[in-house]
PDB file of N, CA and C in Angstrom:
ATOM      1  N   MET A   1      -5.467   3.609   9.338  1.00  0.00           N
ATOM      2  CA  MET A   1      -6.233   4.277   8.153  1.00  0.00           C
ATOM      3  C   MET A   1      -6.675   5.604   8.728  1.00  0.00           C
ATOM      4  N   ALA A   2      -6.529   6.517   7.723  1.00  0.00           N
ATOM      5  CA  ALA A   2      -6.935   8.053   8.172  1.00  0.00           C
ATOM      6  C   ALA A   2      -7.656   8.572   6.865  1.00  0.00           C
ATOM      7  N   LEU A   3      -8.486   9.532   7.272  1.00  0.00           N
ATOM      8  CA  LEU A   3      -9.212  10.162   6.250  1.00  0.00           C
ATOM      9  C   LEU A   3      -8.204  11.250   5.560  1.00  0.00           C
ATOM     10  N   ASP A   4      -8.110  11.243   4.241  1.00  0.00           N
ATOM     11  CA  ASP A   4      -7.041  12.012   3.525  1.00  0.00           C
ATOM     12  C   ASP A   4      -7.739  13.449   3.316  1.00  0.00           C
ATOM     13  N   TRP A   5      -7.329  14.374   4.042  1.00  0.00           N
ATOM     14  CA  TRP A   5      -7.741  15.763   4.004  1.00  0.00           C
ATOM     15  C   TRP A   5      -7.066  16.587   2.878  1.00  0.00           C
ATOM     16  N   ASP A   6      -6.004  15.912   2.303  1.00  0.00           N
ATOM     17  CA  ASP A   6      -5.535  16.496   1.095  1.00  0.00           C
ATOM     18  C   ASP A   6      -6.385  16.546  -0.162  1.00  0.00           C
ATOM     19  N   HIS A   7      -7.240  15.536  -0.171  1.00  0.00           N
ATOM     20  CA  HIS A   7      -8.213  15.453  -1.310  1.00  0.00           C
ATOM     21  C   HIS A   7      -9.586  15.774  -0.885  1.00  0.00           C
ATOM     22  N   LEU A   8      -9.879  17.071  -0.875  1.00  0.00           N
ATOM     23  CA  LEU A   8     -11.134  17.546  -0.457  1.00  0.00           C
ATOM     24  C   LEU A   8     -12.321  17.055  -1.373  1.00  0.00           C
ATOM     25  N   PRO A   9     -13.491  17.067  -0.762  1.00  0.00           N
ATOM     26  CA  PRO A   9     -14.634  16.519  -1.681  1.00  0.00           C
ATOM     27  C   PRO A   9     -14.826  17.492  -2.825  1.00  0.00           C
ATOM     28  N   GLN A  10     -15.228  16.856  -3.975  1.00  0.00           N
ATOM     29  CA  GLN A  10     -15.532  17.633  -5.177  1.00  0.00           C
ATOM     30  C   GLN A  10     -16.973  17.894  -5.118  1.00  0.00           C
ATOM     31  N   ALA A  11     -17.523  18.312  -6.366  1.00  0.00           N
ATOM     32  CA  ALA A  11     -18.871  18.792  -6.494  1.00  0.00           C
ATOM     33  C   ALA A  11     -19.775  17.551  -6.083  1.00  0.00           C
ATOM     34  N   THR A  12     -19.420  16.349  -6.468  1.00  0.00           N
ATOM     35  CA  THR A  12     -20.132  15.087  -6.124  1.00  0.00           C
ATOM     36  C   THR A  12     -19.120  14.443  -5.199  1.00  0.00           C
ATOM     37  N   PRO A  13     -19.178  14.766  -3.797  1.00  0.00           N
ATOM     38  CA  PRO A  13     -18.077  14.403  -2.982  1.00  0.00           C
ATOM     39  C   PRO A  13     -17.920  12.866  -2.772  1.00  0.00           C
ATOM     40  N   GLY A  14     -16.696  12.616  -2.542  1.00  0.00           N
ATOM     41  CA  GLY A  14     -16.394  11.153  -2.205  1.00  0.00           C
ATOM     42  C   GLY A  14     -15.228  11.369  -0.958  1.00  0.00           C
ATOM     43  N   LEU A  15     -14.997  10.289  -0.315  1.00  0.00           N
ATOM     44  CA  LEU A  15     -14.109  10.327   0.811  1.00  0.00           C
ATOM     45  C   LEU A  15     -12.919   9.371   0.471  1.00  0.00           C
ATOM     46  N   ILE A  16     -11.683   9.789   0.808  1.00  0.00           N
ATOM     47  CA  ILE A  16     -10.511   8.947   0.561  1.00  0.00           C
ATOM     48  C   ILE A  16      -9.900   8.710   1.832  1.00  0.00           C
ATOM     49  N   PHE A  17      -9.624   7.363   2.115  1.00  0.00           N
ATOM     50  CA  PHE A  17      -8.887   6.987   3.348  1.00  0.00           C
ATOM     51  C   PHE A  17      -7.582   6.436   2.954  1.00  0.00           C
ATOM     52  N   ASN A  18      -6.549   6.781   3.746  1.00  0.00           N
ATOM     53  CA  ASN A  18      -5.117   6.362   3.371  1.00  0.00           C
ATOM     54  C   ASN A  18      -4.514   5.647   4.556  1.00  0.00           C
ATOM     55  N   SER A  19      -3.794   4.624   4.330  1.00  0.00           N
ATOM     56  CA  SER A  19      -2.952   3.870   5.180  1.00  0.00           C
ATOM     57  C   SER A  19      -1.625   3.534   4.622  1.00  0.00           C
ATOM     58  N   ARG A  20      -0.642   2.886   5.239  1.00  0.00           N
ATOM     59  CA  ARG A  20       0.512   2.542   4.626  1.00  0.00           C
ATOM     60  C   ARG A  20       0.345   1.358   3.658  1.00  0.00           C
ATOM     61  N   ILE A  21      -0.805   0.613   3.890  1.00  0.00           N
ATOM     62  CA  ILE A  21      -0.936  -0.546   3.087  1.00  0.00           C
ATOM     63  C   ILE A  21      -2.145  -0.457   2.037  1.00  0.00           C
ATOM     64  N   ASP A  22      -2.939   0.647   2.192  1.00  0.00           N
ATOM     65  CA  ASP A  22      -3.987   0.651   1.248  1.00  0.00           C
ATOM     66  C   ASP A  22      -4.500   2.079   1.109  1.00  0.00           C
ATOM     67  N   ARG A  23      -5.302   2.388   0.060  1.00  0.00           N
ATOM     68  CA  ARG A  23      -6.082   3.681  -0.098  1.00  0.00           C
ATOM     69  C   ARG A  23      -7.285   3.303  -0.597  1.00  0.00           C
ATOM     70  N   ARG A  24      -8.301   3.796   0.135  1.00  0.00           N
ATOM     71  CA  ARG A  24      -9.719   3.434  -0.120  1.00  0.00           C
ATOM     72  C   ARG A  24     -10.592   4.691  -0.486  1.00  0.00           C
ATOM     73  N   ARG A  25     -11.576   4.496  -1.405  1.00  0.00           N
ATOM     74  CA  ARG A  25     -12.482   5.572  -1.728  1.00  0.00           C
ATOM     75  C   ARG A  25     -13.869   5.112  -1.568  1.00  0.00           C
ATOM     76  N   LEU A  26     -14.631   6.087  -0.890  1.00  0.00           N
ATOM     77  CA  LEU A  26     -16.131   5.864  -0.723  1.00  0.00           C
ATOM     78  C   LEU A  26     -16.821   6.969  -1.449  1.00  0.00           C
ATOM     79  N   PHE A  27     -17.575   6.556  -2.436  1.00  0.00           N
ATOM     80  CA  PHE A  27     -18.278   7.540  -3.242  1.00  0.00           C
ATOM     81  C   PHE A  27     -19.739   7.159  -3.566  1.00  0.00           C
ATOM     82  N   PRO A  28     -20.560   7.993  -3.355  1.00  0.00           N
ATOM     83  CA  PRO A  28     -20.442   9.312  -2.876  1.00  0.00           C
ATOM     84  C   PRO A  28     -20.345   9.399  -1.301  1.00  0.00           C
ATOM     85  N   ALA A  29     -19.770  10.417  -0.915  1.00  0.00           N
ATOM     86  CA  ALA A  29     -19.833  10.618   0.611  1.00  0.00           C
ATOM     87  C   ALA A  29     -21.255  10.670   1.203  1.00  0.00           C
ATOM     88  N   PRO A  30     -21.455  10.047   2.208  1.00  0.00           N
ATOM     89  CA  PRO A  30     -22.869  10.195   2.861  1.00  0.00           C
ATOM     90  C   PRO A  30     -23.118  11.524   3.488  1.00  0.00           C
ATOM     91  N   ASP A  31     -24.258  11.859   3.480  1.00  0.00           N
ATOM     92  CA  ASP A  31     -24.815  13.221   4.012  1.00  0.00           C
ATOM     93  C   ASP A  31     -24.471  13.148   5.535  1.00  0.00           C
ATOM     94  N   GLY A  32     -23.959  14.317   5.975  1.00  0.00           N
ATOM     95  CA  GLY A  32     -23.558  14.514   7.395  1.00  0.00           C
ATOM     96  C   GLY A  32     -22.350  13.664   7.903  1.00  0.00           C
ATOM     97  N   TRP A  33     -21.407  13.380   6.956  1.00  0.00           N
ATOM     98  CA  TRP A  33     -20.153  12.721   7.254  1.00  0.00           C
ATOM     99  C   TRP A  33     -19.284  13.487   8.197  1.00  0.00           C
ATOM    100  N   LEU A  34     -19.343  14.848   8.110  1.00  0.00           N
ATOM    101  CA  LEU A  34     -18.435  15.677   8.858  1.00  0.00           C
ATOM    102  C   LEU A  34     -18.844  15.639  10.408  1.00  0.00           C
ATOM    103  N   GLU A  35     -19.955  15.223  10.744  1.00  0.00           N
ATOM    104  CA  GLU A  35     -20.492  15.127  12.074  1.00  0.00           C
ATOM    105  C   GLU A  35     -20.173  13.717  12.584  1.00  0.00           C
ATOM    106  N   LEU A  36     -19.802  12.728  11.855  1.00  0.00           N
ATOM    107  CA  LEU A  36     -19.546  11.425  12.353  1.00  0.00           C
ATOM    108  C   LEU A  36     -18.412  11.248  13.327  1.00  0.00           C
ATOM    109  N   GLY A  37     -18.458  10.311  14.231  1.00  0.00           N
ATOM    110  CA  GLY A  37     -17.398  10.077  15.047  1.00  0.00           C
ATOM    111  C   GLY A  37     -16.497   9.035  14.549  1.00  0.00           C
ATOM    112  N   ASP A  38     -15.327   8.808  15.213  1.00  0.00           N
ATOM    113  CA  ASP A  38     -14.299   7.840  14.830  1.00  0.00           C
ATOM    114  C   ASP A  38     -14.868   6.537  14.390  1.00  0.00           C
ATOM    115  N   GLU A  39     -15.769   5.908  15.330  1.00  0.00           N
ATOM    116  CA  GLU A  39     -16.289   4.649  15.041  1.00  0.00           C
ATOM    117  C   GLU A  39     -17.135   4.639  13.692  1.00  0.00           C
ATOM    118  N   ASP A  40     -17.940   5.566  13.528  1.00  0.00           N
ATOM    119  CA  ASP A  40     -18.795   5.677  12.305  1.00  0.00           C
ATOM    120  C   ASP A  40     -17.777   5.861  11.025  1.00  0.00           C
ATOM    121  N   LEU A  41     -16.823   6.576  11.133  1.00  0.00           N
ATOM    122  CA  LEU A  41     -15.890   6.828  10.020  1.00  0.00           C
ATOM    123  C   LEU A  41     -15.162   5.507   9.768  1.00  0.00           C
ATOM    124  N   MET A  42     -14.840   4.734  10.764  1.00  0.00           N
ATOM    125  CA  MET A  42     -14.168   3.628  10.505  1.00  0.00           C
ATOM    126  C   MET A  42     -15.068   2.463   9.795  1.00  0.00           C
ATOM    127  N   LYS A  43     -16.435   2.446  10.190  1.00  0.00           N
ATOM    128  CA  LYS A  43     -17.367   1.703   9.328  1.00  0.00           C
ATOM    129  C   LYS A  43     -17.426   2.196   7.901  1.00  0.00           C
ATOM    130  N   LEU A  44     -17.344   3.467   7.738  1.00  0.00           N
ATOM    131  CA  LEU A  44     -17.356   3.857   6.263  1.00  0.00           C
ATOM    132  C   LEU A  44     -16.039   3.346   5.633  1.00  0.00           C
ATOM    133  N   CYS A  45     -14.925   3.497   6.312  1.00  0.00           N
ATOM    134  CA  CYS A  45     -13.681   3.029   5.662  1.00  0.00           C
ATOM    135  C   CYS A  45     -13.678   1.650   5.315  1.00  0.00           C
ATOM    136  N   ILE A  46     -14.251   0.777   6.091  1.00  0.00           N
ATOM    137  CA  ILE A  46     -14.342  -0.602   5.814  1.00  0.00           C
ATOM    138  C   ILE A  46     -15.136  -0.944   4.638  1.00  0.00           C
ATOM    139  N   SER A  47     -16.240  -0.104   4.407  1.00  0.00           N
ATOM    140  CA  SER A  47     -17.121  -0.405   3.281  1.00  0.00           C
ATOM    141  C   SER A  47     -16.516   0.353   2.076  1.00  0.00           C
ATOM    142  N   ALA A  48     -15.409   1.152   2.055  1.00  0.00           N
ATOM    143  CA  ALA A  48     -14.961   1.707   0.939  1.00  0.00           C
ATOM    144  C   ALA A  48     -14.224   0.750   0.018  1.00  0.00           C
ATOM    145  N   ARG A  49     -14.033   1.149  -1.220  1.00  0.00           N
ATOM    146  CA  ARG A  49     -13.321   0.317  -2.194  1.00  0.00           C
ATOM    147  C   ARG A  49     -12.027   0.701  -2.206  1.00  0.00           C
ATOM    148  N   SER A  50     -11.072  -0.367  -2.270  1.00  0.00           N
ATOM    149  CA  SER A  50      -9.701  -0.169  -2.478  1.00  0.00           C
ATOM    150  C   SER A  50      -9.399   0.510  -3.874  1.00  0.00           C
ATOM    151  N   MET A  51      -8.453   1.432  -3.880  1.00  0.00           N
ATOM    152  CA  MET A  51      -8.039   2.084  -5.154  1.00  0.00           C
ATOM    153  C   MET A  51      -6.838   1.442  -5.638  1.00  0.00           C
ATOM    154  N   LEU A  52      -6.155   0.527  -4.982  1.00  0.00           N
ATOM    155  CA  LEU A  52      -4.974  -0.138  -5.415  1.00  0.00           C
ATOM    156  C   LEU A  52      -5.145  -1.324  -6.298  1.00  0.00           C
ATOM    157  N   TYR A  53      -6.393  -1.862  -6.211  1.00  0.00           N
ATOM    158  CA  TYR A  53      -6.571  -3.217  -7.092  1.00  0.00           C
ATOM    159  C   TYR A  53      -7.605  -3.046  -8.081  1.00  0.00           C
TER     160      TYR A  53
END
């Protein structure tokens, strides 16, 4: 799973995570997300909602 940098945050930002099997969106993005490490970003990804179902 990877953070999708092709979809930059909007006025009310959300994060999109992509993999071969899923696409997930976390909305709104938490404050300070740019400073988070990989482990914390993975926790956000797990809590994000699938966009495929």
